[in-house]
Amino acid sequence: EFLRKIVLSVADHEIVWVARNGAE
């Protein structure tokens, strides 16, 4: 959530996916 807030505070940037472990 910390990283999500940073990313979404920036214009024209998006989170394409979130993974919970390295294999994923």
mmCIF file of all heavy atoms, coordinates in Angstrom:
data_MODEL
# 
_entry.id   MODEL 
# 
loop_
_atom_site.group_PDB 
_atom_site.id 
_atom_site.type_symbol 
_atom_site.label_atom_id 
_atom_site.label_alt_id 
_atom_site.label_comp_id 
_atom_site.label_asym_id 
_atom_site.label_entity_id 
_atom_site.label_seq_id 
_atom_site.pdbx_PDB_ins_code 
_atom_site.Cartn_x 
_atom_site.Cartn_y 
_atom_site.Cartn_z 
_atom_site.occupancy 
_atom_site.B_iso_or_equiv 
_atom_site.pdbx_formal_charge 
_atom_site.auth_seq_id 
_atom_site.auth_comp_id 
_atom_site.auth_asym_id 
_atom_site.auth_atom_id 
_atom_site.pdbx_PDB_model_num 
ATOM 1   N N   . GLU A 1 1  ? 0.820  -1.207  0.000   1.00 0.00 ? 1  GLU A N   1 
ATOM 2   C CA  . GLU A 1 1  ? 0.000  0.000   0.000   1.00 0.00 ? 1  GLU A CA  1 
ATOM 3   C C   . GLU A 1 1  ? 0.857  1.261   0.000   1.00 0.00 ? 1  GLU A C   1 
ATOM 4   O O   . GLU A 1 1  ? 0.506  2.269   -0.626  1.00 0.00 ? 1  GLU A O   1 
ATOM 5   C CB  . GLU A 1 1  ? -0.945 -0.003  1.206   1.00 0.00 ? 1  GLU A CB  1 
ATOM 6   C CG  . GLU A 1 1  ? -2.025 -1.065  1.110   1.00 0.00 ? 1  GLU A CG  1 
ATOM 7   C CD  . GLU A 1 1  ? -2.825 -0.967  -0.184  1.00 0.00 ? 1  GLU A CD  1 
ATOM 8   O OE1 . GLU A 1 1  ? -3.263 0.150   -0.518  1.00 0.00 ? 1  GLU A OE1 1 
ATOM 9   O OE2 . GLU A 1 1  ? -3.007 -1.989  -0.856  1.00 0.00 ? 1  GLU A OE2 1 
ATOM 10  N N   . PHE A 1 2  ? 1.978  1.223   0.704   1.00 0.00 ? 2  PHE A N   1 
ATOM 11  C CA  . PHE A 1 2  ? 2.920  2.342   0.701   1.00 0.00 ? 2  PHE A CA  1 
ATOM 12  C C   . PHE A 1 2  ? 3.411  2.615   -0.719  1.00 0.00 ? 2  PHE A C   1 
ATOM 13  O O   . PHE A 1 2  ? 3.390  3.747   -1.209  1.00 0.00 ? 2  PHE A O   1 
ATOM 14  C CB  . PHE A 1 2  ? 4.094  2.010   1.625   1.00 0.00 ? 2  PHE A CB  1 
ATOM 15  C CG  . PHE A 1 2  ? 5.271  2.929   1.488   1.00 0.00 ? 2  PHE A CG  1 
ATOM 16  C CD1 . PHE A 1 2  ? 5.246  4.224   1.970   1.00 0.00 ? 2  PHE A CD1 1 
ATOM 17  C CD2 . PHE A 1 2  ? 6.444  2.477   0.876   1.00 0.00 ? 2  PHE A CD2 1 
ATOM 18  C CE1 . PHE A 1 2  ? 6.340  5.065   1.844   1.00 0.00 ? 2  PHE A CE1 1 
ATOM 19  C CE2 . PHE A 1 2  ? 7.547  3.308   0.752   1.00 0.00 ? 2  PHE A CE2 1 
ATOM 20  C CZ  . PHE A 1 2  ? 7.490  4.603   1.239   1.00 0.00 ? 2  PHE A CZ  1 
ATOM 21  N N   . LEU A 1 3  ? 3.853  1.576   -1.407  1.00 0.00 ? 3  LEU A N   1 
ATOM 22  C CA  . LEU A 1 3  ? 4.371  1.730   -2.766  1.00 0.00 ? 3  LEU A CA  1 
ATOM 23  C C   . LEU A 1 3  ? 3.251  2.105   -3.733  1.00 0.00 ? 3  LEU A C   1 
ATOM 24  O O   . LEU A 1 3  ? 3.455  2.912   -4.649  1.00 0.00 ? 3  LEU A O   1 
ATOM 25  C CB  . LEU A 1 3  ? 5.049  0.442   -3.214  1.00 0.00 ? 3  LEU A CB  1 
ATOM 26  C CG  . LEU A 1 3  ? 6.286  0.037   -2.400  1.00 0.00 ? 3  LEU A CG  1 
ATOM 27  C CD1 . LEU A 1 3  ? 6.781  -1.335  -2.825  1.00 0.00 ? 3  LEU A CD1 1 
ATOM 28  C CD2 . LEU A 1 3  ? 7.405  1.071   -2.551  1.00 0.00 ? 3  LEU A CD2 1 
ATOM 29  N N   . ARG A 1 4  ? 2.078  1.535   -3.528  1.00 0.00 ? 4  ARG A N   1 
ATOM 30  C CA  . ARG A 1 4  ? 0.943  1.849   -4.385  1.00 0.00 ? 4  ARG A CA  1 
ATOM 31  C C   . ARG A 1 4  ? 0.609  3.348   -4.309  1.00 0.00 ? 4  ARG A C   1 
ATOM 32  O O   . ARG A 1 4  ? 0.334  3.989   -5.326  1.00 0.00 ? 4  ARG A O   1 
ATOM 33  C CB  . ARG A 1 4  ? -0.279 1.021   -3.977  1.00 0.00 ? 4  ARG A CB  1 
ATOM 34  C CG  . ARG A 1 4  ? -1.474 1.162   -4.932  1.00 0.00 ? 4  ARG A CG  1 
ATOM 35  C CD  . ARG A 1 4  ? -2.719 0.543   -4.317  1.00 0.00 ? 4  ARG A CD  1 
ATOM 36  N NE  . ARG A 1 4  ? -2.542 -0.844  -3.986  1.00 0.00 ? 4  ARG A NE  1 
ATOM 37  C CZ  . ARG A 1 4  ? -2.722 -1.840  -4.859  1.00 0.00 ? 4  ARG A CZ  1 
ATOM 38  N NH1 . ARG A 1 4  ? -3.067 -1.584  -6.092  1.00 0.00 ? 4  ARG A NH1 1 
ATOM 39  N NH2 . ARG A 1 4  ? -2.556 -3.085  -4.467  1.00 0.00 ? 4  ARG A NH2 1 
ATOM 40  N N   . LYS A 1 5  ? 0.650  3.882   -3.097  1.00 0.00 ? 5  LYS A N   1 
ATOM 41  C CA  . LYS A 1 5  ? 0.317  5.294   -2.934  1.00 0.00 ? 5  LYS A CA  1 
ATOM 42  C C   . LYS A 1 5  ? 1.324  6.177   -3.668  1.00 0.00 ? 5  LYS A C   1 
ATOM 43  O O   . LYS A 1 5  ? 0.953  7.168   -4.302  1.00 0.00 ? 5  LYS A O   1 
ATOM 44  C CB  . LYS A 1 5  ? 0.298  5.665   -1.447  1.00 0.00 ? 5  LYS A CB  1 
ATOM 45  C CG  . LYS A 1 5  ? -0.077 7.122   -1.202  1.00 0.00 ? 5  LYS A CG  1 
ATOM 46  C CD  . LYS A 1 5  ? -0.223 7.427   0.277   1.00 0.00 ? 5  LYS A CD  1 
ATOM 47  C CE  . LYS A 1 5  ? -0.631 8.882   0.490   1.00 0.00 ? 5  LYS A CE  1 
ATOM 48  N NZ  . LYS A 1 5  ? -0.805 9.204   1.919   1.00 0.00 ? 5  LYS A NZ  1 
ATOM 49  N N   . ILE A 1 6  ? 2.608  5.814   -3.595  1.00 0.00 ? 6  ILE A N   1 
ATOM 50  C CA  . ILE A 1 6  ? 3.627  6.584   -4.301  1.00 0.00 ? 6  ILE A CA  1 
ATOM 51  C C   . ILE A 1 6  ? 3.391  6.541   -5.801  1.00 0.00 ? 6  ILE A C   1 
ATOM 52  O O   . ILE A 1 6  ? 3.377  7.573   -6.492  1.00 0.00 ? 6  ILE A O   1 
ATOM 53  C CB  . ILE A 1 6  ? 5.036  6.045   -3.983  1.00 0.00 ? 6  ILE A CB  1 
ATOM 54  C CG1 . ILE A 1 6  ? 5.371  6.290   -2.517  1.00 0.00 ? 6  ILE A CG1 1 
ATOM 55  C CG2 . ILE A 1 6  ? 6.082  6.715   -4.879  1.00 0.00 ? 6  ILE A CG2 1 
ATOM 56  C CD1 . ILE A 1 6  ? 6.688  5.681   -2.094  1.00 0.00 ? 6  ILE A CD1 1 
ATOM 57  N N   . VAL A 1 7  ? 3.189  5.332   -6.321  1.00 0.00 ? 7  VAL A N   1 
ATOM 58  C CA  . VAL A 1 7  ? 3.018  5.177   -7.765  1.00 0.00 ? 7  VAL A CA  1 
ATOM 59  C C   . VAL A 1 7  ? 1.799  5.946   -8.260  1.00 0.00 ? 7  VAL A C   1 
ATOM 60  O O   . VAL A 1 7  ? 1.864  6.661   -9.271  1.00 0.00 ? 7  VAL A O   1 
ATOM 61  C CB  . VAL A 1 7  ? 2.886  3.683   -8.132  1.00 0.00 ? 7  VAL A CB  1 
ATOM 62  C CG1 . VAL A 1 7  ? 2.460  3.514   -9.588  1.00 0.00 ? 7  VAL A CG1 1 
ATOM 63  C CG2 . VAL A 1 7  ? 4.208  2.961   -7.886  1.00 0.00 ? 7  VAL A CG2 1 
ATOM 64  N N   . LEU A 1 8  ? 0.692  5.826   -7.560  1.00 0.00 ? 8  LEU A N   1 
ATOM 65  C CA  . LEU A 1 8  ? -0.544 6.445   -8.018  1.00 0.00 ? 8  LEU A CA  1 
ATOM 66  C C   . LEU A 1 8  ? -0.594 7.946   -7.759  1.00 0.00 ? 8  LEU A C   1 
ATOM 67  O O   . LEU A 1 8  ? -1.524 8.615   -8.194  1.00 0.00 ? 8  LEU A O   1 
ATOM 68  C CB  . LEU A 1 8  ? -1.744 5.749   -7.367  1.00 0.00 ? 8  LEU A CB  1 
ATOM 69  C CG  . LEU A 1 8  ? -1.912 4.276   -7.746  1.00 0.00 ? 8  LEU A CG  1 
ATOM 70  C CD1 . LEU A 1 8  ? -3.152 3.693   -7.090  1.00 0.00 ? 8  LEU A CD1 1 
ATOM 71  C CD2 . LEU A 1 8  ? -1.967 4.097   -9.260  1.00 0.00 ? 8  LEU A CD2 1 
ATOM 72  N N   . SER A 1 9  ? 0.411  8.487   -7.054  1.00 0.00 ? 9  SER A N   1 
ATOM 73  C CA  . SER A 1 9  ? 0.488  9.942   -6.868  1.00 0.00 ? 9  SER A CA  1 
ATOM 74  C C   . SER A 1 9  ? 1.172  10.618  -8.041  1.00 0.00 ? 9  SER A C   1 
ATOM 75  O O   . SER A 1 9  ? 1.273  11.844  -8.084  1.00 0.00 ? 9  SER A O   1 
ATOM 76  C CB  . SER A 1 9  ? 1.241  10.267  -5.572  1.00 0.00 ? 9  SER A CB  1 
ATOM 77  O OG  . SER A 1 9  ? 2.628  9.995   -5.714  1.00 0.00 ? 9  SER A OG  1 
ATOM 78  N N   . VAL A 1 10 ? 1.636  9.833   -8.991  1.00 0.00 ? 10 VAL A N   1 
ATOM 79  C CA  . VAL A 1 10 ? 2.378  10.350  -10.132 1.00 0.00 ? 10 VAL A CA  1 
ATOM 80  C C   . VAL A 1 10 ? 1.514  10.277  -11.383 1.00 0.00 ? 10 VAL A C   1 
ATOM 81  O O   . VAL A 1 10 ? 0.921  9.234   -11.678 1.00 0.00 ? 10 VAL A O   1 
ATOM 82  C CB  . VAL A 1 10 ? 3.684  9.558   -10.345 1.00 0.00 ? 10 VAL A CB  1 
ATOM 83  C CG1 . VAL A 1 10 ? 4.456  10.089  -11.544 1.00 0.00 ? 10 VAL A CG1 1 
ATOM 84  C CG2 . VAL A 1 10 ? 4.552  9.637   -9.087  1.00 0.00 ? 10 VAL A CG2 1 
ATOM 85  N N   . ALA A 1 11 ? 1.438  11.374  -12.104 1.00 0.00 ? 11 ALA A N   1 
ATOM 86  C CA  . ALA A 1 11 ? 0.594  11.430  -13.295 1.00 0.00 ? 11 ALA A CA  1 
ATOM 87  C C   . ALA A 1 11 ? 1.065  10.431  -14.351 1.00 0.00 ? 11 ALA A C   1 
ATOM 88  O O   . ALA A 1 11 ? 2.259  10.227  -14.554 1.00 0.00 ? 11 ALA A O   1 
ATOM 89  C CB  . ALA A 1 11 ? 0.620  12.852  -13.874 1.00 0.00 ? 11 ALA A CB  1 
ATOM 90  N N   . ASP A 1 12 ? 0.093  9.808   -15.020 1.00 0.00 ? 12 ASP A N   1 
ATOM 91  C CA  . ASP A 1 12 ? 0.360  8.920   -16.160 1.00 0.00 ? 12 ASP A CA  1 
ATOM 92  C C   . ASP A 1 12 ? 1.171  7.674   -15.790 1.00 0.00 ? 12 ASP A C   1 
ATOM 93  O O   . ASP A 1 12 ? 1.906  7.137   -16.635 1.00 0.00 ? 12 ASP A O   1 
ATOM 94  C CB  . ASP A 1 12 ? 1.069  9.673   -17.284 1.00 0.00 ? 12 ASP A CB  1 
ATOM 95  C CG  . ASP A 1 12 ? 0.243  10.834  -17.805 1.00 0.00 ? 12 ASP A CG  1 
ATOM 96  O OD1 . ASP A 1 12 ? -0.994 10.695  -17.855 1.00 0.00 ? 12 ASP A OD1 1 
ATOM 97  O OD2 . ASP A 1 12 ? 0.823  11.872  -18.145 1.00 0.00 ? 12 ASP A OD2 1 
ATOM 98  N N   . HIS A 1 13 ? 1.059  7.226   -14.538 1.00 0.00 ? 13 HIS A N   1 
ATOM 99  C CA  . HIS A 1 13 ? 1.709  5.983   -14.137 1.00 0.00 ? 13 HIS A CA  1 
ATOM 100 C C   . HIS A 1 13 ? 0.648  5.026   -13.611 1.00 0.00 ? 13 HIS A C   1 
ATOM 101 O O   . HIS A 1 13 ? -0.361 5.458   -13.038 1.00 0.00 ? 13 HIS A O   1 
ATOM 102 C CB  . HIS A 1 13 ? 2.769  6.245   -13.069 1.00 0.00 ? 13 HIS A CB  1 
ATOM 103 C CG  . HIS A 1 13 ? 3.962  6.967   -13.598 1.00 0.00 ? 13 HIS A CG  1 
ATOM 104 N ND1 . HIS A 1 13 ? 3.908  8.259   -14.038 1.00 0.00 ? 13 HIS A ND1 1 
ATOM 105 C CD2 . HIS A 1 13 ? 5.241  6.570   -13.781 1.00 0.00 ? 13 HIS A CD2 1 
ATOM 106 C CE1 . HIS A 1 13 ? 5.110  8.643   -14.464 1.00 0.00 ? 13 HIS A CE1 1 
ATOM 107 N NE2 . HIS A 1 13 ? 5.928  7.629   -14.314 1.00 0.00 ? 13 HIS A NE2 1 
ATOM 108 N N   . GLU A 1 14 ? 0.863  3.753   -13.801 1.00 0.00 ? 14 GLU A N   1 
ATOM 109 C CA  . GLU A 1 14 ? -0.120 2.763   -13.372 1.00 0.00 ? 14 GLU A CA  1 
ATOM 110 C C   . GLU A 1 14 ? 0.571  1.521   -12.810 1.00 0.00 ? 14 GLU A C   1 
ATOM 111 O O   . GLU A 1 14 ? 1.714  1.222   -13.155 1.00 0.00 ? 14 GLU A O   1 
ATOM 112 C CB  . GLU A 1 14 ? -1.009 2.354   -14.551 1.00 0.00 ? 14 GLU A CB  1 
ATOM 113 C CG  . GLU A 1 14 ? -0.252 1.669   -15.685 1.00 0.00 ? 14 GLU A CG  1 
ATOM 114 C CD  . GLU A 1 14 ? -1.166 1.151   -16.777 1.00 0.00 ? 14 GLU A CD  1 
ATOM 115 O OE1 . GLU A 1 14 ? -2.269 0.688   -16.434 1.00 0.00 ? 14 GLU A OE1 1 
ATOM 116 O OE2 . GLU A 1 14 ? -0.773 1.188   -17.952 1.00 0.00 ? 14 GLU A OE2 1 
ATOM 117 N N   . ILE A 1 15 ? -0.152 0.846   -11.929 1.00 0.00 ? 15 ILE A N   1 
ATOM 118 C CA  . ILE A 1 15 ? 0.311  -0.441  -11.412 1.00 0.00 ? 15 ILE A CA  1 
ATOM 119 C C   . ILE A 1 15 ? -0.324 -1.517  -12.280 1.00 0.00 ? 15 ILE A C   1 
ATOM 120 O O   . ILE A 1 15 ? -1.550 -1.643  -12.327 1.00 0.00 ? 15 ILE A O   1 
ATOM 121 C CB  . ILE A 1 15 ? -0.085 -0.622  -9.942  1.00 0.00 ? 15 ILE A CB  1 
ATOM 122 C CG1 . ILE A 1 15 ? 0.597  0.436   -9.071  1.00 0.00 ? 15 ILE A CG1 1 
ATOM 123 C CG2 . ILE A 1 15 ? 0.285  -2.023  -9.460  1.00 0.00 ? 15 ILE A CG2 1 
ATOM 124 C CD1 . ILE A 1 15 ? 0.119  0.467   -7.654  1.00 0.00 ? 15 ILE A CD1 1 
ATOM 125 N N   . VAL A 1 16 ? 0.495  -2.293  -12.966 1.00 0.00 ? 16 VAL A N   1 
ATOM 126 C CA  . VAL A 1 16 ? -0.037 -3.301  -13.880 1.00 0.00 ? 16 VAL A CA  1 
ATOM 127 C C   . VAL A 1 16 ? -0.323 -4.615  -13.174 1.00 0.00 ? 16 VAL A C   1 
ATOM 128 O O   . VAL A 1 16 ? -1.216 -5.357  -13.576 1.00 0.00 ? 16 VAL A O   1 
ATOM 129 C CB  . VAL A 1 16 ? 0.910  -3.520  -15.081 1.00 0.00 ? 16 VAL A CB  1 
ATOM 130 C CG1 . VAL A 1 16 ? 0.931  -2.285  -15.951 1.00 0.00 ? 16 VAL A CG1 1 
ATOM 131 C CG2 . VAL A 1 16 ? 2.322  -3.866  -14.628 1.00 0.00 ? 16 VAL A CG2 1 
ATOM 132 N N   . TRP A 1 17 ? 0.452  -4.924  -12.134 1.00 0.00 ? 17 TRP A N   1 
ATOM 133 C CA  . TRP A 1 17 ? 0.166  -6.103  -11.331 1.00 0.00 ? 17 TRP A CA  1 
ATOM 134 C C   . TRP A 1 17 ? 0.940  -6.058  -10.016 1.00 0.00 ? 17 TRP A C   1 
ATOM 135 O O   . TRP A 1 17 ? 1.916  -5.335  -9.883  1.00 0.00 ? 17 TRP A O   1 
ATOM 136 C CB  . TRP A 1 17 ? 0.445  -7.416  -12.060 1.00 0.00 ? 17 TRP A CB  1 
ATOM 137 C CG  . TRP A 1 17 ? 1.748  -7.562  -12.796 1.00 0.00 ? 17 TRP A CG  1 
ATOM 138 C CD1 . TRP A 1 17 ? 1.955  -7.393  -14.135 1.00 0.00 ? 17 TRP A CD1 1 
ATOM 139 C CD2 . TRP A 1 17 ? 3.026  -7.943  -12.244 1.00 0.00 ? 17 TRP A CD2 1 
ATOM 140 N NE1 . TRP A 1 17 ? 3.271  -7.633  -14.453 1.00 0.00 ? 17 TRP A NE1 1 
ATOM 141 C CE2 . TRP A 1 17 ? 3.951  -7.986  -13.313 1.00 0.00 ? 17 TRP A CE2 1 
ATOM 142 C CE3 . TRP A 1 17 ? 3.476  -8.253  -10.961 1.00 0.00 ? 17 TRP A CE3 1 
ATOM 143 C CZ2 . TRP A 1 17 ? 5.302  -8.312  -13.134 1.00 0.00 ? 17 TRP A CZ2 1 
ATOM 144 C CZ3 . TRP A 1 17 ? 4.813  -8.588  -10.777 1.00 0.00 ? 17 TRP A CZ3 1 
ATOM 145 C CH2 . TRP A 1 17 ? 5.700  -8.616  -11.861 1.00 0.00 ? 17 TRP A CH2 1 
ATOM 146 N N   . VAL A 1 18 ? 0.448  -6.866  -9.061  1.00 0.00 ? 18 VAL A N   1 
ATOM 147 C CA  . VAL A 1 18 ? 1.103  -7.047  -7.758  1.00 0.00 ? 18 VAL A CA  1 
ATOM 148 C C   . VAL A 1 18 ? 1.320  -8.538  -7.557  1.00 0.00 ? 18 VAL A C   1 
ATOM 149 O O   . VAL A 1 18 ? 0.407  -9.341  -7.792  1.00 0.00 ? 18 VAL A O   1 
ATOM 150 C CB  . VAL A 1 18 ? 0.254  -6.474  -6.611  1.00 0.00 ? 18 VAL A CB  1 
ATOM 151 C CG1 . VAL A 1 18 ? 0.880  -6.801  -5.266  1.00 0.00 ? 18 VAL A CG1 1 
ATOM 152 C CG2 . VAL A 1 18 ? 0.078  -4.965  -6.765  1.00 0.00 ? 18 VAL A CG2 1 
ATOM 153 N N   . ALA A 1 19 ? 2.517  -8.928  -7.146  1.00 0.00 ? 19 ALA A N   1 
ATOM 154 C CA  . ALA A 1 19 ? 2.824  -10.330 -6.865  1.00 0.00 ? 19 ALA A CA  1 
ATOM 155 C C   . ALA A 1 19 ? 3.220  -10.475 -5.402  1.00 0.00 ? 19 ALA A C   1 
ATOM 156 O O   . ALA A 1 19 ? 3.879  -9.592  -4.843  1.00 0.00 ? 19 ALA A O   1 
ATOM 157 C CB  . ALA A 1 19 ? 3.953  -10.829 -7.771  1.00 0.00 ? 19 ALA A CB  1 
ATOM 158 N N   . ARG A 1 20 ? 2.841  -11.608 -4.793  1.00 0.00 ? 20 ARG A N   1 
ATOM 159 C CA  . ARG A 1 20 ? 3.087  -11.828 -3.367  1.00 0.00 ? 20 ARG A CA  1 
ATOM 160 C C   . ARG A 1 20 ? 4.345  -12.635 -3.109  1.00 0.00 ? 20 ARG A C   1 
ATOM 161 O O   . ARG A 1 20 ? 4.759  -12.786 -1.964  1.00 0.00 ? 20 ARG A O   1 
ATOM 162 C CB  . ARG A 1 20 ? 1.889  -12.527 -2.726  1.00 0.00 ? 20 ARG A CB  1 
ATOM 163 C CG  . ARG A 1 20 ? 0.572  -11.786 -2.883  1.00 0.00 ? 20 ARG A CG  1 
ATOM 164 C CD  . ARG A 1 20 ? 0.616  -10.397 -2.264  1.00 0.00 ? 20 ARG A CD  1 
ATOM 165 N NE  . ARG A 1 20 ? -0.682 -9.737  -2.377  1.00 0.00 ? 20 ARG A NE  1 
ATOM 166 C CZ  . ARG A 1 20 ? -0.914 -8.477  -2.024  1.00 0.00 ? 20 ARG A CZ  1 
ATOM 167 N NH1 . ARG A 1 20 ? 0.088  -7.751  -1.560  1.00 0.00 ? 20 ARG A NH1 1 
ATOM 168 N NH2 . ARG A 1 20 ? -2.106 -7.959  -2.149  1.00 0.00 ? 20 ARG A NH2 1 
ATOM 169 N N   . ASN A 1 21 ? 4.953  -13.176 -4.168  1.00 0.00 ? 21 ASN A N   1 
ATOM 170 C CA  . ASN A 1 21 ? 6.215  -13.900 -4.002  1.00 0.00 ? 21 ASN A CA  1 
ATOM 171 C C   . ASN A 1 21 ? 6.971  -13.877 -5.323  1.00 0.00 ? 21 ASN A C   1 
ATOM 172 O O   . ASN A 1 21 ? 6.431  -13.482 -6.363  1.00 0.00 ? 21 ASN A O   1 
ATOM 173 C CB  . ASN A 1 21 ? 5.976  -15.336 -3.519  1.00 0.00 ? 21 ASN A CB  1 
ATOM 174 C CG  . ASN A 1 21 ? 5.149  -16.159 -4.481  1.00 0.00 ? 21 ASN A CG  1 
ATOM 175 O OD1 . ASN A 1 21 ? 5.588  -16.451 -5.590  1.00 0.00 ? 21 ASN A OD1 1 
ATOM 176 N ND2 . ASN A 1 21 ? 3.951  -16.545 -4.064  1.00 0.00 ? 21 ASN A ND2 1 
ATOM 177 N N   . GLY A 1 22 ? 8.223  -14.320 -5.294  1.00 0.00 ? 22 GLY A N   1 
ATOM 178 C CA  . GLY A 1 22 ? 9.064  -14.226 -6.467  1.00 0.00 ? 22 GLY A CA  1 
ATOM 179 C C   . GLY A 1 22 ? 8.606  -15.082 -7.627  1.00 0.00 ? 22 GLY A C   1 
ATOM 180 O O   . GLY A 1 22 ? 8.678  -14.672 -8.793  1.00 0.00 ? 22 GLY A O   1 
ATOM 181 N N   . ALA A 1 23 ? 8.126  -16.299 -7.323  1.00 0.00 ? 23 ALA A N   1 
ATOM 182 C CA  . ALA A 1 23 ? 7.671  -17.189 -8.387  1.00 0.00 ? 23 ALA A CA  1 
ATOM 183 C C   . ALA A 1 23 ? 6.492  -16.582 -9.138  1.00 0.00 ? 23 ALA A C   1 
ATOM 184 O O   . ALA A 1 23 ? 6.414  -16.643 -10.373 1.00 0.00 ? 23 ALA A O   1 
ATOM 185 C CB  . ALA A 1 23 ? 7.283  -18.549 -7.796  1.00 0.00 ? 23 ALA A CB  1 
ATOM 186 N N   . GLU A 1 24 ? 5.571  -15.996 -8.389  1.00 0.00 ? 24 GLU A N   1 
ATOM 187 C CA  . GLU A 1 24 ? 4.420  -15.336 -9.001  1.00 0.00 ? 24 GLU A CA  1 
ATOM 188 C C   . GLU A 1 24 ? 4.875  -14.152 -9.851  1.00 0.00 ? 24 GLU A C   1 
ATOM 189 O O   . GLU A 1 24 ? 4.339  -13.903 -10.936 1.00 0.00 ? 24 GLU A O   1 
ATOM 190 C CB  . GLU A 1 24 ? 3.458  -14.871 -7.906  1.00 0.00 ? 24 GLU A CB  1 
ATOM 191 C CG  . GLU A 1 24 ? 2.170  -14.252 -8.415  1.00 0.00 ? 24 GLU A CG  1 
ATOM 192 C CD  . GLU A 1 24 ? 1.253  -13.794 -7.296  1.00 0.00 ? 24 GLU A CD  1 
ATOM 193 O OE1 . GLU A 1 24 ? 1.414  -14.313 -6.161  1.00 0.00 ? 24 GLU A OE1 1 
ATOM 194 O OE2 . GLU A 1 24 ? 0.399  -12.930 -7.536  1.00 0.00 ? 24 GLU A OE2 1 
# 
